[in-house]
Every structure is written in C-alpha cells, then in structure tokens.
Amino acid sequence: MKKVFAFDFDGTLTTRDTLIDFIRFARGNVGFLVGFLLYSPLLLLMKLHLYSNDKSKQKVFSYFFRGMQLDEFNSLCRRYAHERRHILRASTLQILRKALQEGADVYVVSASVDSWVAPFLAEENLEVTVLGTQIEVKDGRLTGLFSSRNCYGAEKVERLKAVLPAREGFHLTAYGDSRGDRELLAWADEGHLV
C-alpha cells in the first residue's frame, strides 16, 4: 500500500507561527506593532471564537500586503525562508526526510501562505507538495484577498482529498501540533501530535 505523509507547517515543521514572524520580517517591528495594535480588537474576538479565523487572517494579511507587486512579494518570501532557516524543527524535518527516502508521497498542509512555505522546503532540497493558503493576484499585484479557503482545520482534509481521491489506496501518517490539525490527525491512519 502506498505510504503518504502529511505535515502541518507552523509549530510542526517550524518552532513558531510564520504569519506573525513573516509580517515582522517584511514590515519591521514598528510596522508590525502598528498593524497588530490596529487589529487587536479583531484578533481578540478571533481568539474568543467570536469572529472567523479565516476572515481575521485575511484582514490582517490585506493590511500588510495589499497592493504589493507579486515579484516583490515572492522575493520577500524567498529571503524570509533563507534568513529564517533556523526556525525549522530538526526532529520533524528528520521524519520528513526519512519518509522521502523511503519513497513516500509527502505533503505539507498549512494555513500559512504557500508562497513562503514552499521556499523553506526548497532551501532544504525537499521535493514535497505544498497545500497552503493561496493569495489572489490581479494585474501583478496582491489584492490582499485569498484565492483559496484558509487551509485550516477541516480544510486540510479537503485539500488532501482533492489530490488523493481514493482514500483506501494509501496509508496516511500525519503530524500536527494544534487545534487546526485535529481533523487531519483524526482522518489519518496514524496521527501524531508534535
């Protein structure tokens, strides 16, 4: 039976939340603090489960990146991955490498934007498929909106189902670290909480 591995990114393959870290990297400490102070009421409502995680994340992302040229954003994502390689978690990275060496299909399924997740894996020469939140681009600029659903919770399972339609045809081992990974870990044949 085919072996498939699915890894969450933030907190599983890394030691921190990359959305916050990426914003700080891109906008500096002052820009980061101004934006988060501006959106702190919304973020508080999200933490209290009174406002959608998807909508909150998109509003914050839009504030910081709407209107940016796609080439500039992609360059920023590559620089971020190169300069922040130290945030990769060695223990789960080793599991991922072993899975690849054994011929398994490996997916990184993340609520983070795939534009900055994929360069981390490229930096490590890891050939995996990234299923992340995708950004909308019009006329070469970021609109600030997502072109896909936020890849969080049940959406992680839906993304895998889209690329792996015959569920009985493979053995799935999944790794995650948070509430956003519960559905993925439950759907897997083996679910590991990091």
N, C-alpha and C. Protein backbone atom coordinates (compact mmCIF):
# COMPACT_ATOMS: atom_id res chain seq x y z
N MET A 1 0.84 -1.19 0.00
CA MET A 1 0.00 0.00 0.00
C MET A 1 0.89 1.25 0.00
N LYS A 2 0.50 2.23 -0.78
CA LYS A 2 1.27 3.47 -0.88
C LYS A 2 1.30 4.20 0.46
N LYS A 3 2.49 4.70 0.82
CA LYS A 3 2.62 5.48 2.05
C LYS A 3 2.56 6.97 1.71
N VAL A 4 1.73 7.69 2.46
CA VAL A 4 1.59 9.13 2.30
C VAL A 4 1.79 9.77 3.67
N PHE A 5 2.56 10.85 3.69
CA PHE A 5 2.79 11.60 4.92
C PHE A 5 2.27 13.02 4.72
N ALA A 6 1.63 13.56 5.74
CA ALA A 6 1.15 14.94 5.72
C ALA A 6 1.65 15.65 6.97
N PHE A 7 2.27 16.78 6.77
CA PHE A 7 2.81 17.57 7.87
C PHE A 7 2.17 18.96 7.90
N ASP A 8 1.76 19.39 9.07
CA ASP A 8 1.45 20.79 9.29
C ASP A 8 2.78 21.55 9.21
N PHE A 9 2.73 22.86 9.03
CA PHE A 9 3.97 23.64 8.94
C PHE A 9 4.27 24.38 10.24
N ASP A 10 3.43 25.37 10.59
CA ASP A 10 3.69 26.20 11.77
C ASP A 10 3.59 25.39 13.06
N GLY A 11 4.69 25.35 13.79
CA GLY A 11 4.71 24.64 15.07
C GLY A 11 5.01 23.16 14.93
N THR A 12 4.92 22.62 13.73
CA THR A 12 5.22 21.21 13.49
C THR A 12 6.56 21.08 12.78
N LEU A 13 6.69 21.71 11.62
CA LEU A 13 7.98 21.74 10.93
C LEU A 13 8.80 22.96 11.32
N THR A 14 8.15 23.92 11.99
CA THR A 14 8.86 25.10 12.48
C THR A 14 8.64 25.22 13.98
N THR A 15 9.38 26.13 14.58
CA THR A 15 9.26 26.34 16.03
C THR A 15 8.36 27.52 16.37
N ARG A 16 7.75 28.15 15.34
CA ARG A 16 6.90 29.32 15.60
C ARG A 16 5.86 29.51 14.51
N ASP A 17 4.92 30.42 14.77
CA ASP A 17 3.91 30.81 13.80
C ASP A 17 4.58 31.69 12.75
N THR A 18 4.53 31.29 11.50
CA THR A 18 5.26 32.05 10.48
C THR A 18 4.50 33.27 9.98
N LEU A 19 3.19 33.33 10.12
CA LEU A 19 2.47 34.53 9.67
C LEU A 19 2.98 35.75 10.44
N ILE A 20 2.98 35.65 11.74
CA ILE A 20 3.44 36.76 12.59
C ILE A 20 4.90 37.05 12.32
N ASP A 21 5.71 36.01 12.24
CA ASP A 21 7.14 36.19 12.00
C ASP A 21 7.41 36.79 10.63
N PHE A 22 6.64 36.35 9.62
CA PHE A 22 6.83 36.89 8.27
C PHE A 22 6.44 38.37 8.21
N ILE A 23 5.36 38.73 8.86
CA ILE A 23 4.96 40.14 8.88
C ILE A 23 6.03 40.99 9.54
N ARG A 24 6.55 40.53 10.66
CA ARG A 24 7.61 41.27 11.36
C ARG A 24 8.85 41.39 10.46
N PHE A 25 9.19 40.31 9.77
CA PHE A 25 10.33 40.31 8.85
C PHE A 25 10.11 41.31 7.71
N ALA A 26 8.90 41.31 7.16
CA ALA A 26 8.59 42.15 6.00
C ALA A 26 8.42 43.62 6.35
N ARG A 27 7.82 43.91 7.49
CA ARG A 27 7.45 45.29 7.83
C ARG A 27 8.24 45.90 8.99
N GLY A 28 9.10 45.13 9.63
CA GLY A 28 9.87 45.65 10.77
C GLY A 28 9.02 45.68 12.02
N ASN A 29 9.68 45.88 13.15
CA ASN A 29 8.98 45.84 14.44
C ASN A 29 7.93 46.93 14.57
N VAL A 30 8.26 48.15 14.14
CA VAL A 30 7.31 49.26 14.29
C VAL A 30 6.08 49.04 13.41
N GLY A 31 6.29 48.71 12.15
CA GLY A 31 5.16 48.45 11.25
C GLY A 31 4.30 47.30 11.74
N PHE A 32 4.96 46.27 12.24
CA PHE A 32 4.26 45.11 12.80
C PHE A 32 3.38 45.53 13.98
N LEU A 33 3.96 46.28 14.92
CA LEU A 33 3.21 46.68 16.12
C LEU A 33 2.04 47.59 15.79
N VAL A 34 2.24 48.52 14.88
CA VAL A 34 1.15 49.42 14.48
C VAL A 34 -0.01 48.61 13.91
N GLY A 35 0.29 47.70 12.99
CA GLY A 35 -0.75 46.88 12.37
C GLY A 35 -1.48 46.00 13.37
N PHE A 36 -0.72 45.39 14.28
CA PHE A 36 -1.37 44.50 15.23
C PHE A 36 -2.14 45.27 16.30
N LEU A 37 -1.70 46.45 16.65
CA LEU A 37 -2.49 47.27 17.57
C LEU A 37 -3.80 47.68 16.90
N LEU A 38 -3.72 48.05 15.64
CA LEU A 38 -4.91 48.43 14.89
C LEU A 38 -5.93 47.29 14.82
N TYR A 39 -5.43 46.06 14.65
CA TYR A 39 -6.33 44.90 14.50
C TYR A 39 -6.49 44.09 15.78
N SER A 40 -5.97 44.57 16.91
CA SER A 40 -6.05 43.80 18.15
C SER A 40 -7.49 43.49 18.59
N PRO A 41 -8.46 44.40 18.43
CA PRO A 41 -9.84 44.02 18.80
C PRO A 41 -10.35 42.83 17.98
N LEU A 42 -10.06 42.85 16.70
CA LEU A 42 -10.49 41.76 15.82
C LEU A 42 -9.80 40.45 16.21
N LEU A 43 -8.51 40.54 16.50
CA LEU A 43 -7.74 39.34 16.88
C LEU A 43 -8.22 38.77 18.21
N LEU A 44 -8.62 39.65 19.12
CA LEU A 44 -9.17 39.21 20.40
C LEU A 44 -10.49 38.46 20.18
N LEU A 45 -11.35 39.02 19.33
CA LEU A 45 -12.62 38.35 19.01
C LEU A 45 -12.36 36.97 18.38
N MET A 46 -11.33 36.89 17.55
CA MET A 46 -10.99 35.61 16.92
C MET A 46 -10.55 34.60 17.99
N LYS A 47 -9.69 35.03 18.91
CA LYS A 47 -9.22 34.13 19.98
C LYS A 47 -10.37 33.66 20.86
N LEU A 48 -11.38 34.49 21.01
CA LEU A 48 -12.56 34.13 21.81
C LEU A 48 -13.59 33.34 20.99
N HIS A 49 -13.24 33.04 19.74
CA HIS A 49 -14.10 32.29 18.82
C HIS A 49 -15.40 33.03 18.52
N LEU A 50 -15.32 34.36 18.51
CA LEU A 50 -16.49 35.19 18.19
C LEU A 50 -16.39 35.78 16.79
N TYR A 51 -15.25 35.57 16.14
CA TYR A 51 -15.06 36.06 14.77
C TYR A 51 -14.22 35.02 14.03
N SER A 52 -14.51 34.85 12.78
CA SER A 52 -13.88 33.81 11.96
C SER A 52 -12.36 33.94 11.87
N ASN A 53 -11.68 32.82 12.06
CA ASN A 53 -10.23 32.74 11.88
C ASN A 53 -9.87 33.15 10.45
N ASP A 54 -10.63 32.64 9.48
CA ASP A 54 -10.36 32.93 8.06
C ASP A 54 -10.42 34.43 7.77
N LYS A 55 -11.51 35.07 8.22
CA LYS A 55 -11.70 36.49 7.94
C LYS A 55 -10.66 37.35 8.66
N SER A 56 -10.34 37.00 9.89
CA SER A 56 -9.34 37.75 10.66
C SER A 56 -7.99 37.70 9.97
N LYS A 57 -7.59 36.51 9.59
CA LYS A 57 -6.29 36.33 8.95
C LYS A 57 -6.22 37.11 7.63
N GLN A 58 -7.30 37.05 6.86
CA GLN A 58 -7.30 37.74 5.58
C GLN A 58 -7.24 39.25 5.76
N LYS A 59 -7.94 39.80 6.76
CA LYS A 59 -7.92 41.24 7.00
C LYS A 59 -6.52 41.71 7.42
N VAL A 60 -5.88 40.93 8.29
CA VAL A 60 -4.53 41.29 8.72
C VAL A 60 -3.56 41.19 7.54
N PHE A 61 -3.64 40.11 6.78
CA PHE A 61 -2.78 39.94 5.62
C PHE A 61 -2.97 41.09 4.64
N SER A 62 -4.21 41.45 4.40
CA SER A 62 -4.53 42.53 3.47
C SER A 62 -3.93 43.86 3.92
N TYR A 63 -4.03 44.15 5.20
CA TYR A 63 -3.48 45.40 5.74
C TYR A 63 -1.99 45.52 5.41
N PHE A 64 -1.26 44.44 5.56
CA PHE A 64 0.19 44.49 5.39
C PHE A 64 0.65 44.34 3.94
N PHE A 65 -0.10 43.63 3.10
CA PHE A 65 0.44 43.27 1.78
C PHE A 65 -0.41 43.67 0.57
N ARG A 66 -1.60 44.19 0.77
CA ARG A 66 -2.44 44.59 -0.37
C ARG A 66 -1.70 45.62 -1.24
N GLY A 67 -1.69 45.38 -2.55
CA GLY A 67 -1.06 46.30 -3.49
C GLY A 67 0.40 46.00 -3.79
N MET A 68 1.00 45.09 -3.04
CA MET A 68 2.40 44.76 -3.28
C MET A 68 2.54 44.01 -4.60
N GLN A 69 3.59 44.31 -5.34
CA GLN A 69 3.88 43.59 -6.58
C GLN A 69 4.17 42.12 -6.25
N LEU A 70 3.65 41.22 -7.07
CA LEU A 70 3.85 39.79 -6.85
C LEU A 70 5.33 39.43 -6.85
N ASP A 71 6.11 39.97 -7.77
CA ASP A 71 7.55 39.67 -7.81
C ASP A 71 8.24 40.09 -6.51
N GLU A 72 7.87 41.25 -6.00
CA GLU A 72 8.45 41.74 -4.74
C GLU A 72 8.06 40.82 -3.59
N PHE A 73 6.78 40.41 -3.56
CA PHE A 73 6.31 39.51 -2.50
C PHE A 73 7.03 38.17 -2.55
N ASN A 74 7.15 37.59 -3.75
CA ASN A 74 7.84 36.30 -3.88
C ASN A 74 9.30 36.40 -3.49
N SER A 75 9.95 37.49 -3.84
CA SER A 75 11.34 37.71 -3.46
C SER A 75 11.46 37.81 -1.93
N LEU A 76 10.52 38.51 -1.33
CA LEU A 76 10.48 38.64 0.13
C LEU A 76 10.30 37.27 0.79
N CYS A 77 9.43 36.45 0.22
CA CYS A 77 9.19 35.09 0.75
C CYS A 77 10.46 34.25 0.68
N ARG A 78 11.18 34.32 -0.44
CA ARG A 78 12.43 33.56 -0.57
C ARG A 78 13.49 34.04 0.41
N ARG A 79 13.60 35.37 0.58
CA ARG A 79 14.57 35.92 1.54
C ARG A 79 14.22 35.49 2.96
N TYR A 80 12.93 35.54 3.27
CA TYR A 80 12.47 35.14 4.60
C TYR A 80 12.86 33.69 4.89
N ALA A 81 12.58 32.80 3.95
CA ALA A 81 12.91 31.38 4.15
C ALA A 81 14.41 31.19 4.30
N HIS A 82 15.18 31.89 3.50
CA HIS A 82 16.64 31.75 3.56
C HIS A 82 17.19 32.26 4.90
N GLU A 83 16.71 33.41 5.34
CA GLU A 83 17.23 34.01 6.57
C GLU A 83 16.66 33.40 7.84
N ARG A 84 15.54 32.68 7.72
CA ARG A 84 14.91 32.09 8.91
C ARG A 84 14.99 30.56 8.93
N ARG A 85 15.91 29.99 8.21
CA ARG A 85 16.04 28.52 8.20
C ARG A 85 16.16 27.95 9.60
N HIS A 86 16.71 28.71 10.51
CA HIS A 86 16.92 28.24 11.88
C HIS A 86 15.61 27.94 12.62
N ILE A 87 14.46 28.39 12.11
CA ILE A 87 13.20 28.10 12.80
C ILE A 87 12.64 26.73 12.44
N LEU A 88 13.28 26.04 11.49
CA LEU A 88 12.83 24.69 11.16
C LEU A 88 13.12 23.75 12.32
N ARG A 89 12.17 22.88 12.62
CA ARG A 89 12.29 21.94 13.74
C ARG A 89 13.00 20.68 13.25
N ALA A 90 14.21 20.46 13.75
CA ALA A 90 15.06 19.37 13.27
C ALA A 90 14.40 17.99 13.41
N SER A 91 13.69 17.75 14.50
CA SER A 91 13.13 16.41 14.75
C SER A 91 12.08 16.02 13.71
N THR A 92 11.15 16.92 13.39
CA THR A 92 10.13 16.57 12.40
C THR A 92 10.68 16.66 10.98
N LEU A 93 11.66 17.52 10.77
CA LEU A 93 12.31 17.58 9.47
C LEU A 93 13.00 16.25 9.16
N GLN A 94 13.57 15.63 10.18
CA GLN A 94 14.22 14.33 10.03
C GLN A 94 13.19 13.25 9.64
N ILE A 95 12.01 13.29 10.24
CA ILE A 95 10.94 12.35 9.91
C ILE A 95 10.52 12.54 8.45
N LEU A 96 10.39 13.80 8.04
CA LEU A 96 10.00 14.11 6.66
C LEU A 96 11.06 13.58 5.69
N ARG A 97 12.32 13.83 5.98
CA ARG A 97 13.41 13.34 5.10
C ARG A 97 13.38 11.81 4.98
N LYS A 98 13.16 11.15 6.10
CA LYS A 98 13.13 9.68 6.09
C LYS A 98 11.97 9.17 5.24
N ALA A 99 10.81 9.83 5.35
CA ALA A 99 9.65 9.45 4.54
C ALA A 99 9.98 9.58 3.05
N LEU A 100 10.63 10.66 2.66
CA LEU A 100 11.02 10.85 1.26
C LEU A 100 12.01 9.78 0.81
N GLN A 101 12.98 9.47 1.66
CA GLN A 101 13.98 8.45 1.32
C GLN A 101 13.34 7.09 1.12
N GLU A 102 12.25 6.83 1.84
CA GLU A 102 11.55 5.55 1.73
C GLU A 102 10.53 5.53 0.59
N GLY A 103 10.47 6.62 -0.17
CA GLY A 103 9.60 6.66 -1.34
C GLY A 103 8.17 7.08 -1.10
N ALA A 104 7.88 7.62 0.08
CA ALA A 104 6.52 8.06 0.38
C ALA A 104 6.20 9.36 -0.35
N ASP A 105 4.92 9.59 -0.60
CA ASP A 105 4.47 10.90 -1.09
C ASP A 105 4.33 11.79 0.15
N VAL A 106 4.88 12.99 0.08
CA VAL A 106 4.87 13.88 1.25
C VAL A 106 4.20 15.20 0.89
N TYR A 107 3.28 15.60 1.76
CA TYR A 107 2.54 16.85 1.61
C TYR A 107 2.75 17.71 2.86
N VAL A 108 2.92 18.99 2.65
CA VAL A 108 2.89 19.95 3.75
C VAL A 108 1.58 20.70 3.59
N VAL A 109 0.72 20.57 4.59
CA VAL A 109 -0.64 21.10 4.53
C VAL A 109 -0.74 22.19 5.60
N SER A 110 -0.83 23.44 5.16
CA SER A 110 -0.67 24.54 6.10
C SER A 110 -1.65 25.68 5.87
N ALA A 111 -2.04 26.31 6.97
CA ALA A 111 -2.84 27.53 6.89
C ALA A 111 -1.98 28.71 6.46
N SER A 112 -0.67 28.57 6.56
CA SER A 112 0.22 29.64 6.10
C SER A 112 0.17 29.74 4.59
N VAL A 113 0.54 30.90 4.10
CA VAL A 113 0.53 31.16 2.66
C VAL A 113 1.62 30.32 1.99
N ASP A 114 1.21 29.57 0.97
CA ASP A 114 2.16 28.66 0.31
C ASP A 114 3.36 29.38 -0.27
N SER A 115 3.23 30.66 -0.57
CA SER A 115 4.33 31.43 -1.15
C SER A 115 5.55 31.53 -0.25
N TRP A 116 5.36 31.47 1.07
CA TRP A 116 6.54 31.47 1.94
C TRP A 116 6.82 30.10 2.54
N VAL A 117 5.88 29.18 2.48
CA VAL A 117 6.14 27.82 2.96
C VAL A 117 7.06 27.08 1.99
N ALA A 118 6.73 27.10 0.71
CA ALA A 118 7.49 26.35 -0.30
C ALA A 118 8.98 26.71 -0.33
N PRO A 119 9.38 27.99 -0.20
CA PRO A 119 10.81 28.29 -0.21
C PRO A 119 11.60 27.67 0.95
N PHE A 120 10.97 27.48 2.10
CA PHE A 120 11.65 26.80 3.21
C PHE A 120 12.05 25.39 2.79
N LEU A 121 11.13 24.70 2.14
CA LEU A 121 11.37 23.32 1.74
C LEU A 121 12.37 23.26 0.59
N ALA A 122 12.31 24.24 -0.31
CA ALA A 122 13.28 24.32 -1.41
C ALA A 122 14.69 24.57 -0.86
N GLU A 123 14.79 25.40 0.17
CA GLU A 123 16.09 25.67 0.81
C GLU A 123 16.72 24.39 1.34
N GLU A 124 15.88 23.45 1.75
CA GLU A 124 16.36 22.17 2.30
C GLU A 124 16.43 21.07 1.24
N ASN A 125 16.18 21.44 -0.03
CA ASN A 125 16.18 20.47 -1.14
C ASN A 125 15.20 19.33 -0.92
N LEU A 126 14.03 19.67 -0.42
CA LEU A 126 12.99 18.67 -0.16
C LEU A 126 11.91 18.79 -1.22
N GLU A 127 11.70 17.72 -1.96
CA GLU A 127 10.68 17.72 -3.01
C GLU A 127 9.37 17.20 -2.43
N VAL A 128 8.57 18.14 -1.96
CA VAL A 128 7.26 17.82 -1.37
C VAL A 128 6.21 18.70 -2.04
N THR A 129 4.96 18.33 -1.87
CA THR A 129 3.86 19.13 -2.38
C THR A 129 3.32 20.00 -1.25
N VAL A 130 3.23 21.29 -1.50
CA VAL A 130 2.71 22.22 -0.50
C VAL A 130 1.25 22.53 -0.82
N LEU A 131 0.40 22.31 0.16
CA LEU A 131 -1.02 22.66 0.07
C LEU A 131 -1.26 23.71 1.14
N GLY A 132 -1.21 24.97 0.75
CA GLY A 132 -1.35 26.05 1.71
C GLY A 132 -2.42 27.03 1.28
N THR A 133 -2.57 28.06 2.07
CA THR A 133 -3.47 29.14 1.72
C THR A 133 -2.85 29.90 0.55
N GLN A 134 -3.67 30.19 -0.44
CA GLN A 134 -3.16 30.84 -1.66
C GLN A 134 -3.67 32.27 -1.75
N ILE A 135 -2.84 33.14 -2.30
CA ILE A 135 -3.17 34.55 -2.39
C ILE A 135 -3.74 34.90 -3.75
N GLU A 136 -4.59 35.92 -3.77
CA GLU A 136 -5.16 36.39 -5.02
C GLU A 136 -4.27 37.50 -5.59
N VAL A 137 -4.06 37.44 -6.91
CA VAL A 137 -3.23 38.42 -7.60
C VAL A 137 -4.00 38.93 -8.81
N LYS A 138 -4.00 40.25 -8.98
CA LYS A 138 -4.62 40.86 -10.17
C LYS A 138 -3.65 41.90 -10.72
N ASP A 139 -3.42 41.82 -12.03
CA ASP A 139 -2.51 42.75 -12.70
C ASP A 139 -1.14 42.79 -12.03
N GLY A 140 -0.67 41.63 -11.58
CA GLY A 140 0.66 41.54 -10.99
C GLY A 140 0.80 42.04 -9.57
N ARG A 141 -0.33 42.36 -8.92
CA ARG A 141 -0.30 42.86 -7.54
C ARG A 141 -1.21 42.02 -6.63
N LEU A 142 -0.82 41.92 -5.37
CA LEU A 142 -1.63 41.23 -4.39
C LEU A 142 -2.88 42.05 -4.10
N THR A 143 -4.03 41.40 -4.11
CA THR A 143 -5.28 42.10 -3.80
C THR A 143 -5.49 42.20 -2.28
N GLY A 144 -4.76 41.38 -1.54
CA GLY A 144 -4.97 41.30 -0.10
C GLY A 144 -5.96 40.21 0.28
N LEU A 145 -6.58 39.60 -0.74
CA LEU A 145 -7.54 38.51 -0.51
C LEU A 145 -6.86 37.17 -0.75
N PHE A 146 -7.49 36.13 -0.27
CA PHE A 146 -7.02 34.78 -0.54
C PHE A 146 -7.80 34.22 -1.72
N SER A 147 -7.13 33.50 -2.60
CA SER A 147 -7.82 32.88 -3.73
C SER A 147 -8.31 31.48 -3.39
N SER A 148 -7.95 31.01 -2.21
CA SER A 148 -8.41 29.70 -1.73
C SER A 148 -8.96 29.90 -0.33
N ARG A 149 -9.61 28.88 0.17
CA ARG A 149 -10.02 28.91 1.57
C ARG A 149 -8.78 28.82 2.43
N ASN A 150 -8.85 29.40 3.61
CA ASN A 150 -7.76 29.29 4.58
C ASN A 150 -7.58 27.80 4.89
N CYS A 151 -6.40 27.27 4.69
CA CYS A 151 -6.15 25.84 4.85
C CYS A 151 -5.96 25.50 6.33
N TYR A 152 -7.08 25.47 7.04
CA TYR A 152 -7.11 25.31 8.50
C TYR A 152 -8.21 24.33 8.86
N GLY A 153 -7.97 23.49 9.85
CA GLY A 153 -9.00 22.58 10.33
C GLY A 153 -9.44 21.60 9.27
N ALA A 154 -10.75 21.51 9.05
CA ALA A 154 -11.31 20.55 8.09
C ALA A 154 -10.83 20.81 6.66
N GLU A 155 -10.43 22.05 6.36
CA GLU A 155 -9.95 22.36 5.02
C GLU A 155 -8.67 21.58 4.68
N LYS A 156 -7.88 21.23 5.69
CA LYS A 156 -6.67 20.43 5.44
C LYS A 156 -7.04 19.07 4.87
N VAL A 157 -8.08 18.46 5.43
CA VAL A 157 -8.55 17.16 4.94
C VAL A 157 -9.10 17.32 3.53
N GLU A 158 -9.87 18.38 3.29
CA GLU A 158 -10.44 18.60 1.95
C GLU A 158 -9.35 18.77 0.90
N ARG A 159 -8.27 19.45 1.24
CA ARG A 159 -7.17 19.64 0.29
C ARG A 159 -6.51 18.30 -0.05
N LEU A 160 -6.33 17.47 0.96
CA LEU A 160 -5.74 16.15 0.70
C LEU A 160 -6.69 15.28 -0.10
N LYS A 161 -7.97 15.33 0.20
CA LYS A 161 -8.95 14.55 -0.57
C LYS A 161 -8.93 14.95 -2.05
N ALA A 162 -8.68 16.22 -2.32
CA ALA A 162 -8.66 16.70 -3.70
C ALA A 162 -7.50 16.11 -4.50
N VAL A 163 -6.39 15.85 -3.83
CA VAL A 163 -5.21 15.30 -4.54
C VAL A 163 -5.06 13.80 -4.35
N LEU A 164 -5.77 13.25 -3.37
CA LEU A 164 -5.71 11.81 -3.07
C LEU A 164 -7.14 11.26 -2.98
N PRO A 165 -7.82 11.17 -4.11
CA PRO A 165 -9.25 10.83 -4.06
C PRO A 165 -9.58 9.41 -3.58
N ALA A 166 -8.70 8.44 -3.79
CA ALA A 166 -9.01 7.05 -3.40
C ALA A 166 -8.47 6.78 -2.00
N ARG A 167 -9.25 7.12 -0.97
CA ARG A 167 -8.79 7.02 0.43
C ARG A 167 -8.30 5.63 0.81
N GLU A 168 -8.89 4.60 0.27
CA GLU A 168 -8.46 3.24 0.65
C GLU A 168 -7.16 2.83 -0.04
N GLY A 169 -6.65 3.63 -0.94
CA GLY A 169 -5.46 3.27 -1.71
C GLY A 169 -4.14 3.65 -1.09
N PHE A 170 -4.14 4.21 0.13
CA PHE A 170 -2.89 4.62 0.76
C PHE A 170 -3.00 4.59 2.27
N HIS A 171 -1.84 4.58 2.91
CA HIS A 171 -1.75 4.65 4.36
C HIS A 171 -1.23 6.05 4.69
N LEU A 172 -2.03 6.82 5.43
CA LEU A 172 -1.68 8.21 5.74
C LEU A 172 -1.16 8.36 7.16
N THR A 173 0.03 8.93 7.26
CA THR A 173 0.61 9.30 8.55
C THR A 173 0.67 10.81 8.59
N ALA A 174 0.09 11.41 9.63
CA ALA A 174 0.02 12.88 9.71
C ALA A 174 0.66 13.38 11.00
N TYR A 175 1.24 14.57 10.90
CA TYR A 175 1.87 15.24 12.03
C TYR A 175 1.30 16.64 12.15
N GLY A 176 0.90 17.02 13.36
CA GLY A 176 0.38 18.36 13.61
C GLY A 176 0.62 18.75 15.06
N ASP A 177 0.32 20.00 15.38
CA ASP A 177 0.62 20.47 16.73
C ASP A 177 -0.49 21.27 17.39
N SER A 178 -1.60 21.51 16.68
CA SER A 178 -2.58 22.43 17.25
C SER A 178 -4.01 22.04 16.92
N ARG A 179 -4.93 22.85 17.42
CA ARG A 179 -6.37 22.67 17.18
C ARG A 179 -6.68 22.67 15.69
N GLY A 180 -5.92 23.42 14.91
CA GLY A 180 -6.13 23.49 13.47
C GLY A 180 -5.77 22.22 12.74
N ASP A 181 -5.17 21.25 13.45
CA ASP A 181 -4.75 19.98 12.84
C ASP A 181 -5.61 18.80 13.29
N ARG A 182 -6.57 19.04 14.17
CA ARG A 182 -7.36 17.95 14.74
C ARG A 182 -8.02 17.07 13.69
N GLU A 183 -8.67 17.69 12.71
CA GLU A 183 -9.37 16.91 11.69
C GLU A 183 -8.40 16.10 10.84
N LEU A 184 -7.26 16.67 10.53
CA LEU A 184 -6.24 15.96 9.76
C LEU A 184 -5.72 14.75 10.53
N LEU A 185 -5.42 14.94 11.81
CA LEU A 185 -4.90 13.84 12.63
C LEU A 185 -5.95 12.75 12.80
N ALA A 186 -7.21 13.13 12.92
CA ALA A 186 -8.29 12.14 13.08
C ALA A 186 -8.53 11.36 11.79
N TRP A 187 -8.36 12.00 10.64
CA TRP A 187 -8.59 11.37 9.34
C TRP A 187 -7.46 10.42 8.97
N ALA A 188 -6.27 10.67 9.49
CA ALA A 188 -5.10 9.84 9.16
C ALA A 188 -5.20 8.46 9.78
N ASP A 189 -4.49 7.51 9.17
CA ASP A 189 -4.37 6.17 9.77
C ASP A 189 -3.52 6.25 11.03
N GLU A 190 -2.51 7.12 11.00
CA GLU A 190 -1.67 7.38 12.17
C GLU A 190 -1.57 8.89 12.33
N GLY A 191 -2.03 9.41 13.43
CA GLY A 191 -1.93 10.85 13.70
C GLY A 191 -1.00 11.09 14.86
N HIS A 192 -0.02 11.96 14.65
CA HIS A 192 0.99 12.24 15.68
C HIS A 192 0.94 13.71 16.07
N LEU A 193 0.73 13.97 17.36
CA LEU A 193 0.74 15.33 17.87
C LEU A 193 2.16 15.69 18.27
N VAL A 194 2.69 16.74 17.66
CA VAL A 194 4.09 17.15 17.92
C VAL A 194 4.12 18.03 19.14
